[in-house]
Structures are given as structure tokens and as C-alpha cells.
Amino acid sequence: MQEPYETIHVEKRLDVDWLTLNRPESMNAISLQMVSELNDYFGSLYNDQSVRIVVMRGAGRAFCAGLDIKQRNDSARGPQPFGGGFGFQGFLADVYIKMRRCPQPILSLIHGPACGGGFAFALASDIRIAGESARMNAAFIKLGLSSCDMGVSYFLPRLVGGSVASELMLTGRFINAARALATGLVSEVVPDADLEVAAQPYIDEMLAASPMGLRMTKEGLAMAIDGNSLESVMAIENRNQVMASKSQNFAEGMRAFLEKRPPVYQPD
């Protein structure tokens, strides 16, 4: 893992990484350096057994205002990242792929604007809690681009359905916290000052699962959403359950259940 980061801050609290987008002076707008650091961070998680959950949030008055357009225009004259052959486009897109590929559940705490690529950060997370100030939109279309960018056309219909996704993506209009809750885009809405407190029950309940069970649930759910048949989805479920049942933690989970006590899981 690259250290130290400058545009993001990672605070380790035991098994949980608290990842803060840390460009508050620009409402955490996405810079080339931020993309590089997020790629490094999320890429490092795939084989990191010490991190079980990631909490993602923004410093200052916004979650993430989207791409830093001014810096992007200034840096466009310099060397460009290869990004899988798509330059900066592919370089940024790889962050969202790594967010979905990492085995750790990502819990996003959203306050203020979450626009464009910042909206996509929220959508690529596993669980979302909104502060009352949250305002999210697919801003790309407001800039003469397609709203089908950074995985939004993949994530959003799966979360809110085709009709609401079409409305938001074709117009670029904002969805506020109350409507995000009503459409199932977020799990709950709380005052901005209470976001960290609201996150804790989710963290505690996920940490109560076995490490392998938590990882395999994220993986299995992602594959089930894209599965082309019941049989293909159940094949992944069967594979994951057989693997989990061979773990020492399954035996511990069964003992704890019978003894009516919390399980004490080991890394696996």
C-alpha cells in the first residue's frame, strides 16, 4: 500500500478502515492524485485479511462533488495514465471495479453533494446511509456527456429500478435524502452529525459474522445479481457454503449457537 496518502485519509480502527475523501477545499472533487491513491488503496484490499469492513465518507461539507473539472482541464496537457488503453477514463473506472472486487463490504456515509463520479462511489458501495443534507445526481449529462459513466448505468437500475434510474440519468436531476430512502437507494437517513453513530450498528453486526462468511456473502450477492439462471446462482452458493463449512469458524458458530453465547471467530 502506498503511504502516505494526501487526498484520502485512512484511519484504522481494529478491523475497520475509515476511508475519508480528503479534499474539503474542493468538496472532495476527484483529482488525478485522488484516483491514483484510491486505485492503490482498493487494489491493496483484495489480499488484505486484516481489513474486514471499509467505511467511506467525505471531509468537510460534501461527500464528493465529482470530477475536478478545472484540474482535469489543466492536467490534460500533461502525460496521461494508460487506464487500460482508455487514458484517464479507464484509470478512474478501475476504482469502481476494485471497489466491487474487494471482498470487504463498503459502507458509505453520504452528506452534501454526491455528484457524477462521487455519486458512483456511493452506488458502488454495499450499504449507504444518508445525512439529511445528501443530494445525489448523475451530473455527467449536465456537461454534455452521457450519464452512462463510471458504472452508474449498471448500479443505479439494480438499486432503484429502471424507471427511476432513467429519470435520474436522462435529466441529471438531484435525488435528495428523503426520496433516496423511499426508493431504496439508502438504508436510512439521519442528521449529518449522527452519520458516524448510525454506522456503528451495521459495523457491529457485520463484524459478528465470520470473516469468510462476510466475504463470501458480498461475493455471492454480487454474482447472484448478475446470474443468468437459478442454477448458476445456486452453484456459487453451494461452492461458498461448502468452503465456509470446512472452516474452524463454522464449528465455533455452531457451538456458540447451542451454548447461547456470541461466537469468537478466528481469521480465516
C-alpha atoms as a PDB file:
ATOM      1  CA  MET A   1       0.000   0.000   0.000  1.00  0.00           C
ATOM      2  CA  GLN A   2       1.272   3.435  -0.951  1.00  0.00           C
ATOM      3  CA  GLU A   3       1.945   5.658   2.066  1.00  0.00           C
ATOM      4  CA  PRO A   4       1.272   8.349   2.973  1.00  0.00           C
ATOM      5  CA  TYR A   5      -1.837   9.361   1.069  1.00  0.00           C
ATOM      6  CA  GLU A   6      -2.580  13.049   0.574  1.00  0.00           C
ATOM      7  CA  THR A   7      -6.071  13.237  -0.959  1.00  0.00           C
ATOM      8  CA  ILE A   8      -7.567  10.438   1.117  1.00  0.00           C
ATOM      9  CA  HIS A   9      -7.158   9.589   4.786  1.00  0.00           C
ATOM     10  CA  VAL A  10      -7.353   6.019   6.088  1.00  0.00           C
ATOM     11  CA  GLU A  11      -7.932   5.586   9.817  1.00  0.00           C
ATOM     12  CA  LYS A  12      -7.652   2.019  11.045  1.00  0.00           C
ATOM     13  CA  ARG A  13      -9.986   1.120  13.896  1.00  0.00           C
ATOM     14  CA  LEU A  14      -9.213  -2.525  14.610  1.00  0.00           C
ATOM     15  CA  ASP A  15     -10.718  -4.492  11.681  1.00  0.00           C
ATOM     16  CA  VAL A  16     -12.401  -1.462  10.081  1.00  0.00           C
ATOM     17  CA  ASP A  17     -10.842   1.095   7.739  1.00  0.00           C
ATOM     18  CA  TRP A  18     -12.450   4.539   7.868  1.00  0.00           C
ATOM     19  CA  LEU A  19     -11.656   5.995   4.441  1.00  0.00           C
ATOM     20  CA  THR A  20     -12.198   9.755   4.152  1.00  0.00           C
ATOM     21  CA  LEU A  21     -12.038  11.593   0.837  1.00  0.00           C
ATOM     22  CA  ASN A  22      -9.843  14.465   1.962  1.00  0.00           C
ATOM     23  CA  ARG A  23     -10.012  17.450  -0.389  1.00  0.00           C
ATOM     24  CA  PRO A  24     -12.511  19.536   1.589  1.00  0.00           C
ATOM     25  CA  GLU A  25     -11.434  22.779  -0.054  1.00  0.00           C
ATOM     26  CA  SER A  26     -12.837  21.459  -3.353  1.00  0.00           C
ATOM     27  CA  MET A  27     -15.770  19.485  -1.892  1.00  0.00           C
ATOM     28  CA  ASN A  28     -13.660  16.343  -2.332  1.00  0.00           C
ATOM     29  CA  ALA A  29     -13.679  16.665  -6.112  1.00  0.00           C
ATOM     30  CA  ILE A  30     -11.867  13.823  -7.861  1.00  0.00           C
ATOM     31  CA  SER A  31      -8.323  14.717  -8.905  1.00  0.00           C
ATOM     32  CA  LEU A  32      -5.768  12.624 -10.754  1.00  0.00           C
ATOM     33  CA  GLN A  33      -3.885  12.121  -7.496  1.00  0.00           C
ATOM     34  CA  MET A  34      -7.061  11.006  -5.720  1.00  0.00           C
ATOM     35  CA  VAL A  35      -7.732   8.461  -8.466  1.00  0.00           C
ATOM     36  CA  SER A  36      -4.180   7.156  -8.142  1.00  0.00           C
ATOM     37  CA  GLU A  37      -4.491   6.843  -4.366  1.00  0.00           C
ATOM     38  CA  LEU A  38      -7.945   5.213  -4.487  1.00  0.00           C
ATOM     39  CA  ASN A  39      -6.688   2.728  -7.070  1.00  0.00           C
ATOM     40  CA  ASP A  40      -3.791   1.879  -4.801  1.00  0.00           C
ATOM     41  CA  TYR A  41      -5.950   1.599  -1.692  1.00  0.00           C
ATOM     42  CA  PHE A  42      -8.787  -0.504  -3.112  1.00  0.00           C
ATOM     43  CA  GLY A  43      -6.330  -2.636  -5.082  1.00  0.00           C
ATOM     44  CA  SER A  44      -4.447  -3.447  -1.894  1.00  0.00           C
ATOM     45  CA  LEU A  45      -7.587  -4.716  -0.141  1.00  0.00           C
ATOM     46  CA  TYR A  46      -8.084  -7.817  -2.255  1.00  0.00           C
ATOM     47  CA  ASN A  47      -5.478  -9.830  -0.333  1.00  0.00           C
ATOM     48  CA  ASP A  48      -5.641  -7.895   2.960  1.00  0.00           C
ATOM     49  CA  GLN A  49      -7.085 -10.164   5.618  1.00  0.00           C
ATOM     50  CA  SER A  50      -6.671  -7.564   8.346  1.00  0.00           C
ATOM     51  CA  VAL A  51      -9.415  -5.291   6.957  1.00  0.00           C
ATOM     52  CA  ARG A  52     -12.956  -6.632   7.236  1.00  0.00           C
ATOM     53  CA  ILE A  53     -15.059  -3.530   6.519  1.00  0.00           C
ATOM     54  CA  VAL A  54     -14.470  -0.167   4.829  1.00  0.00           C
ATOM     55  CA  VAL A  55     -16.437   2.942   5.832  1.00  0.00           C
ATOM     56  CA  MET A  56     -16.233   5.628   3.117  1.00  0.00           C
ATOM     57  CA  ARG A  57     -17.085   9.287   3.716  1.00  0.00           C
ATOM     58  CA  GLY A  58     -16.105  12.827   2.741  1.00  0.00           C
ATOM     59  CA  ALA A  59     -14.358  15.577   4.702  1.00  0.00           C
ATOM     60  CA  GLY A  60     -15.961  18.982   5.045  1.00  0.00           C
ATOM     61  CA  ARG A  61     -19.356  19.816   3.583  1.00  0.00           C
ATOM     62  CA  ALA A  62     -19.644  17.209   0.832  1.00  0.00           C
ATOM     63  CA  PHE A  63     -19.281  13.512   0.164  1.00  0.00           C
ATOM     64  CA  CYS A  64     -17.788  14.095  -3.301  1.00  0.00           C
ATOM     65  CA  ALA A  65     -18.692  16.764  -5.860  1.00  0.00           C
ATOM     66  CA  GLY A  66     -17.499  14.652  -8.791  1.00  0.00           C
ATOM     67  CA  LEU A  67     -14.617  15.216 -11.157  1.00  0.00           C
ATOM     68  CA  ASP A  68     -12.387  18.233 -10.533  1.00  0.00           C
ATOM     69  CA  ILE A  69     -13.037  19.738 -13.958  1.00  0.00           C
ATOM     70  CA  LYS A  70     -10.609  22.636 -13.594  1.00  0.00           C
ATOM     71  CA  GLN A  71      -7.722  20.394 -12.620  1.00  0.00           C
ATOM     72  CA  ARG A  72      -8.710  17.890 -15.289  1.00  0.00           C
ATOM     73  CA  ASN A  73      -8.521  20.567 -17.992  1.00  0.00           C
ATOM     74  CA  ASP A  74      -5.159  21.794 -16.697  1.00  0.00           C
ATOM     75  CA  SER A  75      -3.666  18.301 -16.469  1.00  0.00           C
ATOM     76  CA  ALA A  76      -5.000  17.169 -19.848  1.00  0.00           C
ATOM     77  CA  ARG A  77      -1.975  18.807 -21.478  1.00  0.00           C
ATOM     78  CA  GLY A  78       0.413  16.601 -19.499  1.00  0.00           C
ATOM     79  CA  PRO A  79       1.132  12.861 -19.575  1.00  0.00           C
ATOM     80  CA  GLN A  80      -1.998  10.746 -19.288  1.00  0.00           C
ATOM     81  CA  PRO A  81      -2.416   7.470 -17.382  1.00  0.00           C
ATOM     82  CA  PHE A  82      -2.771   4.405 -19.592  1.00  0.00           C
ATOM     83  CA  GLY A  83      -6.006   3.286 -17.880  1.00  0.00           C
ATOM     84  CA  GLY A  84      -6.307   0.020 -19.775  1.00  0.00           C
ATOM     85  CA  GLY A  85      -5.962   1.908 -23.042  1.00  0.00           C
ATOM     86  CA  PHE A  86      -8.697   4.441 -22.226  1.00  0.00           C
ATOM     87  CA  GLY A  87      -6.456   7.024 -20.567  1.00  0.00           C
ATOM     88  CA  PHE A  88      -7.936   8.827 -17.576  1.00  0.00           C
ATOM     89  CA  GLN A  89     -11.403   7.363 -18.316  1.00  0.00           C
ATOM     90  CA  GLY A  90     -10.186   3.825 -17.770  1.00  0.00           C
ATOM     91  CA  PHE A  91      -7.949   4.839 -14.871  1.00  0.00           C
ATOM     92  CA  LEU A  92     -10.905   6.266 -12.941  1.00  0.00           C
ATOM     93  CA  ALA A  93     -13.259   3.446 -13.972  1.00  0.00           C
ATOM     94  CA  ASP A  94     -10.843   0.942 -12.441  1.00  0.00           C
ATOM     95  CA  VAL A  95     -11.501   2.419  -8.970  1.00  0.00           C
ATOM     96  CA  TYR A  96     -15.152   1.323  -9.105  1.00  0.00           C
ATOM     97  CA  ILE A  97     -14.228  -2.121 -10.388  1.00  0.00           C
ATOM     98  CA  LYS A  98     -11.799  -2.514  -7.485  1.00  0.00           C
ATOM     99  CA  MET A  99     -14.485  -1.364  -5.046  1.00  0.00           C
ATOM    100  CA  ARG A 100     -16.728  -4.182  -6.238  1.00  0.00           C
ATOM    101  CA  ARG A 101     -13.879  -6.722  -6.487  1.00  0.00           C
ATOM    102  CA  CYS A 102     -12.535  -6.205  -2.967  1.00  0.00           C
ATOM    103  CA  PRO A 103     -14.003  -8.754  -0.533  1.00  0.00           C
ATOM    104  CA  GLN A 104     -14.680  -6.198   2.205  1.00  0.00           C
ATOM    105  CA  PRO A 105     -18.176  -4.681   2.416  1.00  0.00           C
ATOM    106  CA  ILE A 106     -18.110  -0.909   1.828  1.00  0.00           C
ATOM    107  CA  LEU A 107     -20.439   1.270   3.896  1.00  0.00           C
ATOM    108  CA  SER A 108     -20.775   4.823   2.557  1.00  0.00           C
ATOM    109  CA  LEU A 109     -21.858   7.763   4.725  1.00  0.00           C
ATOM    110  CA  ILE A 110     -23.214  10.414   2.366  1.00  0.00           C
ATOM    111  CA  HIS A 111     -23.711  14.061   3.226  1.00  0.00           C
ATOM    112  CA  GLY A 112     -23.991  17.090   0.992  1.00  0.00           C
ATOM    113  CA  PRO A 113     -23.388  16.718  -2.745  1.00  0.00           C
ATOM    114  CA  ALA A 114     -22.539  13.334  -4.246  1.00  0.00           C
ATOM    115  CA  CYS A 115     -22.349  14.114  -7.937  1.00  0.00           C
ATOM    116  CA  GLY A 116     -21.124  12.331 -11.053  1.00  0.00           C
ATOM    117  CA  GLY A 117     -18.176  10.171 -10.064  1.00  0.00           C
ATOM    118  CA  GLY A 118     -18.985  10.882  -6.405  1.00  0.00           C
ATOM    119  CA  PHE A 119     -22.493   9.510  -6.958  1.00  0.00           C
ATOM    120  CA  ALA A 120     -20.840   6.459  -8.480  1.00  0.00           C
ATOM    121  CA  PHE A 121     -18.728   5.997  -5.318  1.00  0.00           C
ATOM    122  CA  ALA A 122     -21.944   5.781  -3.321  1.00  0.00           C
ATOM    123  CA  LEU A 123     -23.549   3.410  -5.823  1.00  0.00           C
ATOM    124  CA  ALA A 124     -20.510   1.113  -5.886  1.00  0.00           C
ATOM    125  CA  SER A 125     -20.727   0.701  -2.114  1.00  0.00           C
ATOM    126  CA  ASP A 126     -22.626  -2.162  -0.484  1.00  0.00           C
ATOM    127  CA  ILE A 127     -24.608  -0.143   2.080  1.00  0.00           C
ATOM    128  CA  ARG A 128     -25.448   3.562   2.053  1.00  0.00           C
ATOM    129  CA  ILE A 129     -26.558   5.825   4.911  1.00  0.00           C
ATOM    130  CA  ALA A 130     -27.544   9.376   4.017  1.00  0.00           C
ATOM    131  CA  GLY A 131     -27.284  12.515   6.058  1.00  0.00           C
ATOM    132  CA  GLU A 132     -30.236  14.870   5.789  1.00  0.00           C
ATOM    133  CA  SER A 133     -28.200  17.186   3.540  1.00  0.00           C
ATOM    134  CA  ALA A 134     -27.390  14.498   0.961  1.00  0.00           C
ATOM    135  CA  ARG A 135     -28.078  15.413  -2.679  1.00  0.00           C
ATOM    136  CA  MET A 136     -27.024  12.983  -5.384  1.00  0.00           C
ATOM    137  CA  ASN A 137     -27.100  13.169  -9.168  1.00  0.00           C
ATOM    138  CA  ALA A 138     -25.685  11.739 -12.379  1.00  0.00           C
ATOM    139  CA  ALA A 139     -24.055  15.059 -13.278  1.00  0.00           C
ATOM    140  CA  PHE A 140     -22.349  13.796 -16.436  1.00  0.00           C
ATOM    141  CA  ILE A 141     -25.316  14.644 -18.670  1.00  0.00           C
ATOM    142  CA  LYS A 142     -25.199  18.259 -17.459  1.00  0.00           C
ATOM    143  CA  LEU A 143     -21.723  18.555 -19.009  1.00  0.00           C
ATOM    144  CA  GLY A 144     -22.580  17.312 -22.484  1.00  0.00           C
ATOM    145  CA  LEU A 145     -21.690  13.715 -21.704  1.00  0.00           C
ATOM    146  CA  SER A 146     -23.698  10.519 -21.326  1.00  0.00           C
ATOM    147  CA  SER A 147     -24.924   9.624 -17.857  1.00  0.00           C
ATOM    148  CA  CYS A 148     -23.800   6.076 -18.600  1.00  0.00           C
ATOM    149  CA  ASP A 149     -20.441   6.514 -16.905  1.00  0.00           C
ATOM    150  CA  MET A 150     -18.410   5.034 -14.058  1.00  0.00           C
ATOM    151  CA  GLY A 151     -20.800   2.125 -13.636  1.00  0.00           C
ATOM    152  CA  VAL A 152     -23.865   4.306 -12.976  1.00  0.00           C
ATOM    153  CA  SER A 153     -25.870   2.590 -15.725  1.00  0.00           C
ATOM    154  CA  TYR A 154     -25.001  -0.744 -14.095  1.00  0.00           C
ATOM    155  CA  PHE A 155     -25.509   0.121 -10.431  1.00  0.00           C
ATOM    156  CA  LEU A 156     -28.451   2.514 -10.421  1.00  0.00           C
ATOM    157  CA  PRO A 157     -31.145   0.374 -12.154  1.00  0.00           C
ATOM    158  CA  ARG A 158     -30.231  -2.534  -9.891  1.00  0.00           C
ATOM    159  CA  LEU A 159     -30.790  -0.355  -6.827  1.00  0.00           C
ATOM    160  CA  VAL A 160     -33.864   1.701  -7.722  1.00  0.00           C
ATOM    161  CA  GLY A 161     -35.308   0.058 -10.851  1.00  0.00           C
ATOM    162  CA  GLY A 162     -35.298   1.098 -14.474  1.00  0.00           C
ATOM    163  CA  SER A 163     -37.919   3.830 -14.297  1.00  0.00           C
ATOM    164  CA  VAL A 164     -36.322   5.909 -11.536  1.00  0.00           C
ATOM    165  CA  ALA A 165     -32.853   5.264 -12.955  1.00  0.00           C
ATOM    166  CA  SER A 166     -33.981   6.507 -16.365  1.00  0.00           C
ATOM    167  CA  GLU A 167     -35.462   9.647 -14.823  1.00  0.00           C
ATOM    168  CA  LEU A 168     -32.312  10.477 -12.870  1.00  0.00           C
ATOM    169  CA  MET A 169     -29.889   9.658 -15.672  1.00  0.00           C
ATOM    170  CA  LEU A 170     -31.763  11.311 -18.539  1.00  0.00           C
ATOM    171  CA  THR A 171     -32.357  14.547 -16.634  1.00  0.00           C
ATOM    172  CA  GLY A 172     -29.388  14.752 -14.276  1.00  0.00           C
ATOM    173  CA  ARG A 173     -31.780  15.953 -11.589  1.00  0.00           C
ATOM    174  CA  PHE A 174     -30.863  15.586  -7.935  1.00  0.00           C
ATOM    175  CA  ILE A 175     -32.349  12.984  -5.636  1.00  0.00           C
ATOM    176  CA  ASN A 176     -32.498  14.154  -2.027  1.00  0.00           C
ATOM    177  CA  ALA A 177     -32.128  12.070   1.117  1.00  0.00           C
ATOM    178  CA  ALA A 178     -35.853  11.522   1.704  1.00  0.00           C
ATOM    179  CA  ARG A 179     -36.504  10.273  -1.819  1.00  0.00           C
ATOM    180  CA  ALA A 180     -33.314   8.187  -1.755  1.00  0.00           C
ATOM    181  CA  LEU A 181     -34.759   6.404   1.284  1.00  0.00           C
ATOM    182  CA  ALA A 182     -38.172   5.988  -0.361  1.00  0.00           C
ATOM    183  CA  THR A 183     -36.636   4.411  -3.478  1.00  0.00           C
ATOM    184  CA  GLY A 184     -34.358   2.072  -1.525  1.00  0.00           C
ATOM    185  CA  LEU A 185     -31.185   3.834  -2.614  1.00  0.00           C
ATOM    186  CA  VAL A 186     -30.110   4.299   1.021  1.00  0.00           C
ATOM    187  CA  SER A 187     -30.813   2.259   4.146  1.00  0.00           C
ATOM    188  CA  GLU A 188     -31.642   5.176   6.415  1.00  0.00           C
ATOM    189  CA  VAL A 189     -31.465   8.952   6.758  1.00  0.00           C
ATOM    190  CA  VAL A 190     -30.047  10.636   9.862  1.00  0.00           C
ATOM    191  CA  PRO A 191     -28.864  14.129  10.806  1.00  0.00           C
ATOM    192  CA  ASP A 192     -25.446  14.753   9.285  1.00  0.00           C
ATOM    193  CA  ALA A 193     -23.834  14.928  12.726  1.00  0.00           C
ATOM    194  CA  ASP A 194     -25.111  11.425  13.536  1.00  0.00           C
ATOM    195  CA  LEU A 195     -23.719   9.593  10.491  1.00  0.00           C
ATOM    196  CA  GLU A 196     -20.793   8.001  12.325  1.00  0.00           C
ATOM    197  CA  VAL A 197     -23.020   6.891  15.197  1.00  0.00           C
ATOM    198  CA  ALA A 198     -25.569   5.483  12.733  1.00  0.00           C
ATOM    199  CA  ALA A 199     -22.856   3.444  11.032  1.00  0.00           C
ATOM    200  CA  GLN A 200     -21.832   1.599  14.184  1.00  0.00           C
ATOM    201  CA  PRO A 201     -24.725  -0.912  14.414  1.00  0.00           C
ATOM    202  CA  TYR A 202     -24.069  -2.000  10.817  1.00  0.00           C
ATOM    203  CA  ILE A 203     -20.371  -2.392  11.586  1.00  0.00           C
ATOM    204  CA  ASP A 204     -21.053  -4.339  14.779  1.00  0.00           C
ATOM    205  CA  GLU A 205     -23.475  -6.718  13.070  1.00  0.00           C
ATOM    206  CA  MET A 206     -21.132  -7.370  10.137  1.00  0.00           C
ATOM    207  CA  LEU A 207     -18.209  -7.964  12.484  1.00  0.00           C
ATOM    208  CA  ALA A 208     -20.366 -10.506  14.316  1.00  0.00           C
ATOM    209  CA  ALA A 209     -20.229 -12.668  11.172  1.00  0.00           C
ATOM    210  CA  SER A 210     -17.304 -14.969  10.477  1.00  0.00           C
ATOM    211  CA  PRO A 211     -14.624 -13.369   8.285  1.00  0.00           C
ATOM    212  CA  MET A 212     -15.154 -15.894   5.484  1.00  0.00           C
ATOM    213  CA  GLY A 213     -18.932 -15.715   5.768  1.00  0.00           C
ATOM    214  CA  LEU A 214     -18.851 -11.935   5.364  1.00  0.00           C
ATOM    215  CA  ARG A 215     -16.529 -12.031   2.351  1.00  0.00           C
ATOM    216  CA  MET A 216     -18.421 -14.797   0.641  1.00  0.00           C
ATOM    217  CA  THR A 217     -21.758 -13.084   1.175  1.00  0.00           C
ATOM    218  CA  LYS A 218     -20.512  -9.974  -0.659  1.00  0.00           C
ATOM    219  CA  GLU A 219     -19.107 -12.132  -3.455  1.00  0.00           C
ATOM    220  CA  GLY A 220     -22.154 -14.385  -3.715  1.00  0.00           C
ATOM    221  CA  LEU A 221     -24.618 -11.491  -3.697  1.00  0.00           C
ATOM    222  CA  ALA A 222     -22.729  -9.720  -6.479  1.00  0.00           C
ATOM    223  CA  MET A 223     -22.731 -12.867  -8.596  1.00  0.00           C
ATOM    224  CA  ALA A 224     -26.399 -13.567  -7.867  1.00  0.00           C
ATOM    225  CA  ILE A 225     -27.436 -10.109  -9.070  1.00  0.00           C
ATOM    226  CA  ASP A 226     -25.781 -10.844 -12.413  1.00  0.00           C
ATOM    227  CA  GLY A 227     -26.571 -14.567 -12.525  1.00  0.00           C
ATOM    228  CA  ASN A 228     -28.290 -15.794 -15.679  1.00  0.00           C
ATOM    229  CA  SER A 229     -30.180 -18.630 -14.003  1.00  0.00           C
ATOM    230  CA  LEU A 230     -31.179 -20.051 -10.633  1.00  0.00           C
ATOM    231  CA  GLU A 231     -28.838 -22.974 -11.254  1.00  0.00           C
ATOM    232  CA  SER A 232     -25.809 -20.764 -11.860  1.00  0.00           C
ATOM    233  CA  VAL A 233     -26.506 -18.726  -8.732  1.00  0.00           C
ATOM    234  CA  MET A 234     -27.009 -21.837  -6.596  1.00  0.00           C
ATOM    235  CA  ALA A 235     -23.764 -23.294  -7.910  1.00  0.00           C
ATOM    236  CA  ILE A 236     -21.918 -20.312  -6.422  1.00  0.00           C
ATOM    237  CA  GLU A 237     -23.937 -20.594  -3.211  1.00  0.00           C
ATOM    238  CA  ASN A 238     -23.095 -24.297  -2.942  1.00  0.00           C
ATOM    239  CA  ARG A 239     -19.405 -23.660  -3.568  1.00  0.00           C
ATOM    240  CA  ASN A 240     -19.255 -20.883  -0.960  1.00  0.00           C
ATOM    241  CA  GLN A 241     -21.215 -22.840   1.649  1.00  0.00           C
ATOM    242  CA  VAL A 242     -19.042 -25.948   1.245  1.00  0.00           C
ATOM    243  CA  MET A 243     -15.904 -23.831   1.635  1.00  0.00           C
ATOM    244  CA  ALA A 244     -17.297 -21.999   4.674  1.00  0.00           C
ATOM    245  CA  SER A 245     -18.430 -25.230   6.317  1.00  0.00           C
ATOM    246  CA  LYS A 246     -14.827 -26.508   6.275  1.00  0.00           C
ATOM    247  CA  SER A 247     -13.669 -23.509   8.310  1.00  0.00           C
ATOM    248  CA  GLN A 248     -12.984 -23.763  12.043  1.00  0.00           C
ATOM    249  CA  ASN A 249     -15.329 -20.814  12.398  1.00  0.00           C
ATOM    250  CA  PHE A 250     -18.337 -22.843  11.310  1.00  0.00           C
ATOM    251  CA  ALA A 251     -17.763 -25.262  14.187  1.00  0.00           C
ATOM    252  CA  GLU A 252     -17.337 -22.293  16.539  1.00  0.00           C
ATOM    253  CA  GLY A 253     -20.519 -20.691  15.224  1.00  0.00           C
ATOM    254  CA  MET A 254     -22.480 -23.871  15.861  1.00  0.00           C
ATOM    255  CA  ARG A 255     -21.062 -24.257  19.382  1.00  0.00           C
ATOM    256  CA  ALA A 256     -21.834 -20.640  20.213  1.00  0.00           C
ATOM    257  CA  PHE A 257     -25.403 -21.011  18.953  1.00  0.00           C
ATOM    258  CA  LEU A 258     -26.013 -24.086  21.078  1.00  0.00           C
ATOM    259  CA  GLU A 259     -24.332 -22.507  24.101  1.00  0.00           C
ATOM    260  CA  LYS A 260     -26.294 -19.261  23.614  1.00  0.00           C
ATOM    261  CA  ARG A 261     -23.201 -17.030  23.538  1.00  0.00           C
ATOM    262  CA  PRO A 262     -21.540 -14.759  20.978  1.00  0.00           C
ATOM    263  CA  PRO A 263     -19.118 -16.672  18.723  1.00  0.00           C
ATOM    264  CA  VAL A 264     -15.398 -15.979  18.928  1.00  0.00           C
ATOM    265  CA  TYR A 265     -14.200 -16.182  15.340  1.00  0.00           C
ATOM    266  CA  GLN A 266     -10.596 -16.531  14.180  1.00  0.00           C
ATOM    267  CA  PRO A 267      -9.077 -15.111  10.970  1.00  0.00           C
ATOM    268  CA  ASP A 268      -9.591 -17.453   8.026  1.00  0.00           C
END
